[in-house]
PDB file of all heavy atoms in Angstrom:
ATOM      1  N   ILE A   1    -212.082 301.271 -70.053  1.00  0.00           N
ATOM      2  CA  ILE A   1    -210.845 302.007 -70.395  1.00  0.00           C
ATOM      3  C   ILE A   1    -209.833 301.112 -71.160  1.00  0.00           C
ATOM      4  O   ILE A   1    -209.295 301.477 -72.156  1.00  0.00           O
ATOM      5  CB  ILE A   1    -210.136 302.550 -69.166  1.00  0.00           C
ATOM      6  CG1 ILE A   1    -211.158 303.620 -68.450  1.00  0.00           C
ATOM      7  CG2 ILE A   1    -208.862 303.260 -69.472  1.00  0.00           C
ATOM      8  CD1 ILE A   1    -210.702 304.091 -67.104  1.00  0.00           C
ATOM      9  N   GLN A   2    -209.681 299.938 -70.596  1.00  0.00           N
ATOM     10  CA  GLN A   2    -208.791 298.881 -71.230  1.00  0.00           C
ATOM     11  C   GLN A   2    -209.203 298.545 -72.572  1.00  0.00           C
ATOM     12  O   GLN A   2    -208.469 298.532 -73.509  1.00  0.00           O
ATOM     13  CB  GLN A   2    -208.668 297.666 -70.382  1.00  0.00           C
ATOM     14  CG  GLN A   2    -207.953 297.862 -69.043  1.00  0.00           C
ATOM     15  CD  GLN A   2    -208.117 296.607 -68.203  1.00  0.00           C
ATOM     16  OE1 GLN A   2    -208.193 295.490 -68.651  1.00  0.00           O
ATOM     17  NE2 GLN A   2    -208.117 296.775 -66.847  1.00  0.00           N
ATOM     18  N   GLU A   3    -210.560 298.397 -72.692  1.00  0.00           N
ATOM     19  CA  GLU A   3    -211.174 298.123 -74.125  1.00  0.00           C
ATOM     20  C   GLU A   3    -210.962 299.158 -75.136  1.00  0.00           C
ATOM     21  O   GLU A   3    -210.498 298.929 -76.208  1.00  0.00           O
ATOM     22  CB  GLU A   3    -212.595 297.817 -73.942  1.00  0.00           C
ATOM     23  CG  GLU A   3    -213.389 297.536 -75.233  1.00  0.00           C
ATOM     24  CD  GLU A   3    -213.274 296.176 -75.691  1.00  0.00           C
ATOM     25  OE1 GLU A   3    -212.542 295.217 -75.002  1.00  0.00           O
ATOM     26  OE2 GLU A   3    -213.860 295.787 -76.749  1.00  0.00           O
ATOM     27  N   ALA A   4    -211.153 300.422 -74.632  1.00  0.00           N
ATOM     28  CA  ALA A   4    -211.041 301.597 -75.561  1.00  0.00           C
ATOM     29  C   ALA A   4    -209.569 301.723 -76.030  1.00  0.00           C
ATOM     30  O   ALA A   4    -209.355 301.947 -77.281  1.00  0.00           O
ATOM     31  CB  ALA A   4    -211.441 302.799 -74.883  1.00  0.00           C
ATOM     32  N   ARG A   5    -208.600 301.411 -75.143  1.00  0.00           N
ATOM     33  CA  ARG A   5    -207.232 301.674 -75.608  1.00  0.00           C
ATOM     34  C   ARG A   5    -206.733 300.402 -76.390  1.00  0.00           C
ATOM     35  O   ARG A   5    -205.940 300.659 -77.372  1.00  0.00           O
ATOM     36  CB  ARG A   5    -206.395 301.881 -74.316  1.00  0.00           C
ATOM     37  CG  ARG A   5    -206.785 303.149 -73.526  1.00  0.00           C
ATOM     38  CD  ARG A   5    -206.760 304.382 -74.371  1.00  0.00           C
ATOM     39  NE  ARG A   5    -205.305 304.887 -74.588  1.00  0.00           N
ATOM     40  CZ  ARG A   5    -204.934 305.595 -75.551  1.00  0.00           C
ATOM     41  NH1 ARG A   5    -205.868 306.064 -76.483  1.00  0.00           N
ATOM     42  NH2 ARG A   5    -203.706 305.873 -75.694  1.00  0.00           N
ATOM     43  N   SER A   6    -207.082 299.274 -75.858  1.00  0.00           N
ATOM     44  CA  SER A   6    -206.565 298.028 -76.628  1.00  0.00           C
ATOM     45  C   SER A   6    -207.096 297.872 -78.009  1.00  0.00           C
ATOM     46  O   SER A   6    -206.443 297.365 -78.889  1.00  0.00           O
ATOM     47  CB  SER A   6    -206.917 296.866 -75.717  1.00  0.00           C
ATOM     48  OG  SER A   6    -208.274 296.631 -75.701  1.00  0.00           O
ATOM     49  N   GLU A   7    -208.344 298.362 -78.177  1.00  0.00           N
ATOM     50  CA  GLU A   7    -209.012 298.309 -79.493  1.00  0.00           C
ATOM     51  C   GLU A   7    -208.509 299.448 -80.439  1.00  0.00           C
ATOM     52  O   GLU A   7    -208.909 299.513 -81.631  1.00  0.00           O
ATOM     53  CB  GLU A   7    -210.549 298.366 -79.410  1.00  0.00           C
ATOM     54  CG  GLU A   7    -211.099 297.127 -78.767  1.00  0.00           C
ATOM     55  CD  GLU A   7    -210.963 295.872 -79.555  1.00  0.00           C
ATOM     56  OE1 GLU A   7    -211.019 296.012 -80.830  1.00  0.00           O
ATOM     57  OE2 GLU A   7    -210.753 294.760 -78.994  1.00  0.00           O
ATOM     58  N   GLY A   8    -207.708 300.306 -79.899  1.00  0.00           N
ATOM     59  CA  GLY A   8    -207.208 301.446 -80.723  1.00  0.00           C
ATOM     60  C   GLY A   8    -208.281 302.449 -81.028  1.00  0.00           C
ATOM     61  O   GLY A   8    -208.143 303.183 -82.002  1.00  0.00           O
ATOM     62  N   LYS A   9    -209.361 302.511 -80.232  1.00  0.00           N
ATOM     63  CA  LYS A   9    -210.482 303.415 -80.525  1.00  0.00           C
ATOM     64  C   LYS A   9    -209.999 304.878 -80.148  1.00  0.00           C
ATOM     65  O   LYS A   9    -209.329 305.028 -79.209  1.00  0.00           O
ATOM     66  CB  LYS A   9    -211.669 302.987 -79.797  1.00  0.00           C
ATOM     67  CG  LYS A   9    -212.279 301.749 -80.290  1.00  0.00           C
ATOM     68  CD  LYS A   9    -213.511 301.294 -79.387  1.00  0.00           C
ATOM     69  CE  LYS A   9    -214.061 299.950 -79.850  1.00  0.00           C
ATOM     70  NZ  LYS A   9    -215.157 299.498 -79.067  1.00  0.00           N
ATOM     71  N   ALA A  10    -210.489 305.815 -80.932  1.00  0.00           N
ATOM     72  CA  ALA A  10    -210.081 307.213 -80.744  1.00  0.00           C
ATOM     73  C   ALA A  10    -211.016 307.905 -79.788  1.00  0.00           C
ATOM     74  O   ALA A  10    -212.244 308.053 -80.194  1.00  0.00           O
ATOM     75  CB  ALA A  10    -209.976 307.899 -82.049  1.00  0.00           C
ATOM     76  N   TYR A  11    -210.637 308.270 -78.702  1.00  0.00           N
ATOM     77  CA  TYR A  11    -211.444 309.108 -77.809  1.00  0.00           C
ATOM     78  C   TYR A  11    -210.750 310.409 -77.497  1.00  0.00           C
ATOM     79  O   TYR A  11    -209.536 310.530 -77.415  1.00  0.00           O
ATOM     80  CB  TYR A  11    -211.561 308.319 -76.459  1.00  0.00           C
ATOM     81  CG  TYR A  11    -212.453 307.166 -76.508  1.00  0.00           C
ATOM     82  CD1 TYR A  11    -212.028 305.934 -76.975  1.00  0.00           C
ATOM     83  CD2 TYR A  11    -213.783 307.310 -76.240  1.00  0.00           C
ATOM     84  CE1 TYR A  11    -212.800 304.881 -77.101  1.00  0.00           C
ATOM     85  CE2 TYR A  11    -214.674 306.137 -76.308  1.00  0.00           C
ATOM     86  CZ  TYR A  11    -214.124 304.909 -76.750  1.00  0.00           C
ATOM     87  OH  TYR A  11    -214.885 303.819 -76.818  1.00  0.00           O
ATOM     88  N   SER A  12    -211.622 311.435 -77.462  1.00  0.00           N
ATOM     89  CA  SER A  12    -211.021 312.764 -77.198  1.00  0.00           C
ATOM     90  C   SER A  12    -210.609 312.956 -75.786  1.00  0.00           C
ATOM     91  O   SER A  12    -211.028 312.189 -74.840  1.00  0.00           O
ATOM     92  CB  SER A  12    -212.098 313.861 -77.495  1.00  0.00           C
ATOM     93  OG  SER A  12    -213.184 313.746 -76.582  1.00  0.00           O
ATOM     94  N   SER A  13    -209.638 313.864 -75.591  1.00  0.00           N
ATOM     95  CA  SER A  13    -209.209 314.119 -74.115  1.00  0.00           C
ATOM     96  C   SER A  13    -210.351 314.606 -73.322  1.00  0.00           C
ATOM     97  O   SER A  13    -210.477 314.381 -72.153  1.00  0.00           O
ATOM     98  CB  SER A  13    -208.066 315.151 -74.223  1.00  0.00           C
ATOM     99  OG  SER A  13    -208.441 316.369 -74.803  1.00  0.00           O
ATOM    100  N   GLU A  14    -211.327 315.332 -73.997  1.00  0.00           N
ATOM    101  CA  GLU A  14    -212.564 315.781 -73.303  1.00  0.00           C
ATOM    102  C   GLU A  14    -213.386 314.604 -72.755  1.00  0.00           C
ATOM    103  O   GLU A  14    -213.987 314.684 -71.646  1.00  0.00           O
ATOM    104  CB  GLU A  14    -213.458 316.615 -74.260  1.00  0.00           C
ATOM    105  CG  GLU A  14    -212.838 318.026 -74.600  1.00  0.00           C
ATOM    106  CD  GLU A  14    -211.842 317.923 -75.663  1.00  0.00           C
ATOM    107  OE1 GLU A  14    -211.531 316.900 -76.254  1.00  0.00           O
ATOM    108  OE2 GLU A  14    -211.201 319.037 -75.913  1.00  0.00           O
ATOM    109  N   GLU A  15    -213.419 313.521 -73.482  1.00  0.00           N
ATOM    110  CA  GLU A  15    -214.107 312.324 -73.096  1.00  0.00           C
ATOM    111  C   GLU A  15    -213.522 311.755 -71.793  1.00  0.00           C
ATOM    112  O   GLU A  15    -214.206 311.428 -70.861  1.00  0.00           O
ATOM    113  CB  GLU A  15    -213.995 311.252 -74.203  1.00  0.00           C
ATOM    114  CG  GLU A  15    -214.604 309.890 -73.837  1.00  0.00           C
ATOM    115  CD  GLU A  15    -216.107 309.854 -74.130  1.00  0.00           C
ATOM    116  OE1 GLU A  15    -216.652 310.760 -74.728  1.00  0.00           O
ATOM    117  OE2 GLU A  15    -216.731 308.922 -73.650  1.00  0.00           O
ATOM    118  N   PHE A  16    -212.199 311.614 -71.780  1.00  0.00           N
ATOM    119  CA  PHE A  16    -211.562 311.078 -70.556  1.00  0.00           C
ATOM    120  C   PHE A  16    -211.657 312.043 -69.469  1.00  0.00           C
ATOM    121  O   PHE A  16    -211.712 311.713 -68.309  1.00  0.00           O
ATOM    122  CB  PHE A  16    -210.119 310.737 -70.924  1.00  0.00           C
ATOM    123  CG  PHE A  16    -209.946 309.464 -71.700  1.00  0.00           C
ATOM    124  CD1 PHE A  16    -209.691 309.538 -72.995  1.00  0.00           C
ATOM    125  CD2 PHE A  16    -210.138 308.179 -71.016  1.00  0.00           C
ATOM    126  CE1 PHE A  16    -209.511 308.250 -73.741  1.00  0.00           C
ATOM    127  CE2 PHE A  16    -210.009 307.017 -71.823  1.00  0.00           C
ATOM    128  CZ  PHE A  16    -209.741 307.094 -73.111  1.00  0.00           C
ATOM    129  N   SER A  17    -211.563 313.360 -69.800  1.00  0.00           N
ATOM    130  CA  SER A  17    -211.663 314.413 -68.707  1.00  0.00           C
ATOM    131  C   SER A  17    -213.085 314.327 -68.034  1.00  0.00           C
ATOM    132  O   SER A  17    -213.150 314.408 -66.832  1.00  0.00           O
ATOM    133  CB  SER A  17    -211.528 315.773 -69.337  1.00  0.00           C
ATOM    134  OG  SER A  17    -211.663 316.766 -68.317  1.00  0.00           O
ATOM    135  N   SER A  18    -214.093 314.102 -68.855  1.00  0.00           N
ATOM    136  CA  SER A  18    -215.451 314.018 -68.253  1.00  0.00           C
ATOM    137  C   SER A  18    -215.542 312.757 -67.417  1.00  0.00           C
ATOM    138  O   SER A  18    -216.113 312.861 -66.256  1.00  0.00           O
ATOM    139  CB  SER A  18    -216.487 313.914 -69.413  1.00  0.00           C
ATOM    140  OG  SER A  18    -217.764 313.765 -68.885  1.00  0.00           O
ATOM    141  N   LEU A  19    -215.032 311.706 -67.845  1.00  0.00           N
ATOM    142  CA  LEU A  19    -214.998 310.443 -67.081  1.00  0.00           C
ATOM    143  C   LEU A  19    -214.185 310.662 -65.703  1.00  0.00           C
ATOM    144  O   LEU A  19    -214.633 310.187 -64.642  1.00  0.00           O
ATOM    145  CB  LEU A  19    -214.470 309.269 -67.907  1.00  0.00           C
ATOM    146  CG  LEU A  19    -214.558 307.932 -67.243  1.00  0.00           C
ATOM    147  CD1 LEU A  19    -215.980 307.466 -66.868  1.00  0.00           C
ATOM    148  CD2 LEU A  19    -213.919 306.807 -68.093  1.00  0.00           C
ATOM    149  N   LEU A  20    -213.016 311.314 -65.793  1.00  0.00           N
ATOM    150  CA  LEU A  20    -212.271 311.504 -64.665  1.00  0.00           C
ATOM    151  C   LEU A  20    -213.001 312.328 -63.655  1.00  0.00           C
ATOM    152  O   LEU A  20    -212.857 312.049 -62.436  1.00  0.00           O
ATOM    153  CB  LEU A  20    -210.989 312.313 -65.180  1.00  0.00           C
ATOM    154  CG  LEU A  20    -209.936 312.658 -64.035  1.00  0.00           C
ATOM    155  CD1 LEU A  20    -209.472 311.375 -63.325  1.00  0.00           C
ATOM    156  CD2 LEU A  20    -208.845 313.404 -64.510  1.00  0.00           C
ATOM    157  N   ASP A  21    -213.757 313.337 -64.107  1.00  0.00           N
ATOM    158  CA  ASP A  21    -214.584 314.157 -63.194  1.00  0.00           C
ATOM    159  C   ASP A  21    -215.530 313.292 -62.487  1.00  0.00           C
ATOM    160  O   ASP A  21    -215.802 313.496 -61.231  1.00  0.00           O
ATOM    161  CB  ASP A  21    -215.255 315.324 -63.900  1.00  0.00           C
ATOM    162  CG  ASP A  21    -214.255 316.419 -64.312  1.00  0.00           C
ATOM    163  OD1 ASP A  21    -213.078 316.523 -63.784  1.00  0.00           O
ATOM    164  OD2 ASP A  21    -214.600 317.150 -65.272  1.00  0.00           O
ATOM    165  N   ASP A  22    -216.251 312.365 -63.155  1.00  0.00           N
ATOM    166  CA  ASP A  22    -217.217 311.497 -62.585  1.00  0.00           C
ATOM    167  C   ASP A  22    -216.609 310.658 -61.533  1.00  0.00           C
ATOM    168  O   ASP A  22    -217.163 310.434 -60.413  1.00  0.00           O
ATOM    169  CB  ASP A  22    -217.881 310.687 -63.677  1.00  0.00           C
ATOM    170  CG  ASP A  22    -218.820 311.465 -64.545  1.00  0.00           C
ATOM    171  OD1 ASP A  22    -219.136 312.639 -64.288  1.00  0.00           O
ATOM    172  OD2 ASP A  22    -219.255 310.968 -65.639  1.00  0.00           O
ATOM    173  N   VAL A  23    -215.477 309.989 -61.864  1.00  0.00           N
ATOM    174  CA  VAL A  23    -214.759 309.127 -60.968  1.00  0.00           C
ATOM    175  C   VAL A  23    -214.353 309.818 -59.705  1.00  0.00           C
ATOM    176  O   VAL A  23    -214.560 309.272 -58.579  1.00  0.00           O
ATOM    177  CB  VAL A  23    -213.492 308.519 -61.610  1.00  0.00           C
ATOM    178  CG1 VAL A  23    -212.673 307.760 -60.608  1.00  0.00           C
ATOM    179  CG2 VAL A  23    -213.989 307.534 -62.702  1.00  0.00           C
ATOM    180  N   LYS A  24    -213.870 310.998 -59.745  1.00  0.00           N
ATOM    181  CA  LYS A  24    -213.554 311.836 -58.586  1.00  0.00           C
ATOM    182  C   LYS A  24    -214.778 312.090 -57.740  1.00  0.00           C
ATOM    183  O   LYS A  24    -214.655 311.981 -56.529  1.00  0.00           O
ATOM    184  CB  LYS A  24    -212.928 313.202 -59.035  1.00  0.00           C
ATOM    185  CG  LYS A  24    -211.481 313.105 -59.638  1.00  0.00           C
ATOM    186  CD  LYS A  24    -211.052 314.535 -60.001  1.00  0.00           C
ATOM    187  CE  LYS A  24    -209.698 314.442 -60.587  1.00  0.00           C
ATOM    188  NZ  LYS A  24    -209.197 315.827 -60.989  1.00  0.00           N
ATOM    189  N   SER A  25    -215.834 312.419 -58.341  1.00  0.00           N
ATOM    190  CA  SER A  25    -217.070 312.739 -57.649  1.00  0.00           C
ATOM    191  C   SER A  25    -217.627 311.408 -56.892  1.00  0.00           C
ATOM    192  O   SER A  25    -218.071 311.591 -55.790  1.00  0.00           O
ATOM    193  CB  SER A  25    -218.190 313.251 -58.609  1.00  0.00           C
ATOM    194  OG  SER A  25    -219.432 313.392 -57.992  1.00  0.00           O
ATOM    195  N   LEU A  26    -217.507 310.253 -57.530  1.00  0.00           N
ATOM    196  CA  LEU A  26    -218.048 309.185 -56.966  1.00  0.00           C
ATOM    197  C   LEU A  26    -217.195 308.554 -55.795  1.00  0.00           C
ATOM    198  O   LEU A  26    -217.699 307.695 -55.085  1.00  0.00           O
ATOM    199  CB  LEU A  26    -218.165 308.079 -58.054  1.00  0.00           C
ATOM    200  CG  LEU A  26    -219.261 308.366 -59.178  1.00  0.00           C
ATOM    201  CD1 LEU A  26    -219.213 307.311 -60.188  1.00  0.00           C
ATOM    202  CD2 LEU A  26    -220.625 308.468 -58.508  1.00  0.00           C
ATOM    203  N   GLN A  27    -215.980 308.971 -55.630  1.00  0.00           N
ATOM    204  CA  GLN A  27    -215.197 308.627 -54.457  1.00  0.00           C
ATOM    205  C   GLN A  27    -215.858 308.921 -53.082  1.00  0.00           C
ATOM    206  O   GLN A  27    -215.593 308.249 -52.124  1.00  0.00           O
ATOM    207  CB  GLN A  27    -213.756 309.149 -54.544  1.00  0.00           C
ATOM    208  CG  GLN A  27    -212.991 308.595 -55.660  1.00  0.00           C
ATOM    209  CD  GLN A  27    -211.587 309.208 -55.879  1.00  0.00           C
ATOM    210  OE1 GLN A  27    -210.982 309.551 -54.806  1.00  0.00           O
ATOM    211  NE2 GLN A  27    -211.174 309.408 -57.086  1.00  0.00           N
ATOM    212  N   THR A  28    -216.655 309.923 -53.036  1.00  0.00           N
ATOM    213  CA  THR A  28    -217.336 310.366 -51.845  1.00  0.00           C
ATOM    214  C   THR A  28    -218.880 309.837 -51.817  1.00  0.00           C
ATOM    215  O   THR A  28    -219.549 310.249 -50.891  1.00  0.00           O
ATOM    216  CB  THR A  28    -217.253 311.818 -51.609  1.00  0.00           C
ATOM    217  OG1 THR A  28    -218.033 312.496 -52.665  1.00  0.00           O
ATOM    218  CG2 THR A  28    -215.829 312.267 -51.595  1.00  0.00           C
ATOM    219  N   LEU A  29    -219.177 309.108 -52.819  1.00  0.00           N
ATOM    220  CA  LEU A  29    -220.638 308.639 -52.906  1.00  0.00           C
ATOM    221  C   LEU A  29    -221.164 307.987 -51.713  1.00  0.00           C
ATOM    222  O   LEU A  29    -222.181 308.267 -51.180  1.00  0.00           O
ATOM    223  CB  LEU A  29    -220.796 307.777 -54.175  1.00  0.00           C
ATOM    224  CG  LEU A  29    -222.162 307.223 -54.355  1.00  0.00           C
ATOM    225  CD1 LEU A  29    -223.242 308.338 -54.520  1.00  0.00           C
ATOM    226  CD2 LEU A  29    -222.317 306.388 -55.657  1.00  0.00           C
ATOM    227  N   MET A  30    -220.392 307.005 -51.206  1.00  0.00           N
ATOM    228  CA  MET A  30    -220.874 306.229 -50.007  1.00  0.00           C
ATOM    229  C   MET A  30    -221.033 307.116 -48.874  1.00  0.00           C
ATOM    230  O   MET A  30    -222.044 307.067 -48.175  1.00  0.00           O
ATOM    231  CB  MET A  30    -219.930 305.100 -49.805  1.00  0.00           C
ATOM    232  CG  MET A  30    -219.938 303.915 -50.682  1.00  0.00           C
ATOM    233  SD  MET A  30    -221.553 303.030 -50.652  1.00  0.00           S
ATOM    234  CE  MET A  30    -221.602 302.432 -48.902  1.00  0.00           C
ATOM    235  N   ALA A  31    -220.030 307.891 -48.551  1.00  0.00           N
ATOM    236  CA  ALA A  31    -220.110 308.827 -47.311  1.00  0.00           C
ATOM    237  C   ALA A  31    -221.265 309.828 -47.447  1.00  0.00           C
ATOM    238  O   ALA A  31    -222.046 309.984 -46.478  1.00  0.00           O
ATOM    239  CB  ALA A  31    -218.797 309.546 -47.129  1.00  0.00           C
ATOM    240  N   ASP A  32    -221.354 310.354 -48.637  1.00  0.00           N
ATOM    241  CA  ASP A  32    -222.501 311.322 -48.905  1.00  0.00           C
ATOM    242  C   ASP A  32    -223.857 310.670 -48.696  1.00  0.00           C
ATOM    243  O   ASP A  32    -224.793 311.274 -48.108  1.00  0.00           O
ATOM    244  CB  ASP A  32    -222.337 311.959 -50.246  1.00  0.00           C
ATOM    245  CG  ASP A  32    -221.103 312.844 -50.439  1.00  0.00           C
ATOM    246  OD1 ASP A  32    -220.447 313.196 -49.436  1.00  0.00           O
ATOM    247  OD2 ASP A  32    -220.765 313.052 -51.626  1.00  0.00           O
ATOM    248  N   THR A  33    -224.045 309.496 -49.294  1.00  0.00           N
ATOM    249  CA  THR A  33    -225.261 308.810 -49.268  1.00  0.00           C
ATOM    250  C   THR A  33    -225.676 308.428 -47.847  1.00  0.00           C
ATOM    251  O   THR A  33    -226.807 308.594 -47.391  1.00  0.00           O
ATOM    252  CB  THR A  33    -225.298 307.591 -50.161  1.00  0.00           C
ATOM    253  OG1 THR A  33    -224.940 307.988 -51.526  1.00  0.00           O
ATOM    254  CG2 THR A  33    -226.604 306.891 -50.120  1.00  0.00           C
ATOM    255  N   LEU A  34    -224.695 307.845 -47.143  1.00  0.00           N
ATOM    256  CA  LEU A  34    -224.968 307.380 -45.743  1.00  0.00           C
ATOM    257  C   LEU A  34    -225.227 308.654 -44.806  1.00  0.00           C
ATOM    258  O   LEU A  34    -226.083 308.471 -43.971  1.00  0.00           O
ATOM    259  CB  LEU A  34    -223.781 306.670 -45.235  1.00  0.00           C
ATOM    260  CG  LEU A  34    -223.545 305.345 -45.915  1.00  0.00           C
ATOM    261  CD1 LEU A  34    -222.185 304.732 -45.443  1.00  0.00           C
ATOM    262  CD2 LEU A  34    -224.707 304.361 -45.496  1.00  0.00           C
ATOM    263  N   THR A  35    -224.559 309.765 -45.055  1.00  0.00           N
ATOM    264  CA  THR A  35    -224.857 311.016 -44.277  1.00  0.00           C
ATOM    265  C   THR A  35    -226.304 311.334 -44.485  1.00  0.00           C
ATOM    266  O   THR A  35    -227.010 311.758 -43.511  1.00  0.00           O
ATOM    267  CB  THR A  35    -223.855 312.101 -44.635  1.00  0.00           C
ATOM    268  OG1 THR A  35    -222.527 311.641 -44.357  1.00  0.00           O
ATOM    269  CG2 THR A  35    -224.198 313.388 -43.920  1.00  0.00           C
ATOM    270  N   LYS A  36    -226.733 311.436 -45.677  1.00  0.00           N
ATOM    271  CA  LYS A  36    -228.018 311.873 -45.966  1.00  0.00           C
ATOM    272  C   LYS A  36    -229.139 310.873 -45.345  1.00  0.00           C
ATOM    273  O   LYS A  36    -230.056 311.236 -44.827  1.00  0.00           O
ATOM    274  CB  LYS A  36    -228.262 312.001 -47.508  1.00  0.00           C
ATOM    275  CG  LYS A  36    -229.625 312.476 -47.875  1.00  0.00           C
ATOM    276  CD  LYS A  36    -229.815 312.664 -49.394  1.00  0.00           C
ATOM    277  CE  LYS A  36    -231.143 313.085 -49.804  1.00  0.00           C
ATOM    278  NZ  LYS A  36    -231.255 313.355 -51.302  1.00  0.00           N
TER     279      LYS A  36
END
C-alpha cells in the first residue's frame, strides 16, 4: 500500500475495495483454521 501511494501509481477504488474485503476476511483466519 505504501509503495503504491508513494510511487504515485494509479489504482482504482475497486482495487482497494477488493483488498479491503480480503483483509477483513483474513482477520478470522486463525480462529477458523484452528476450529476446523
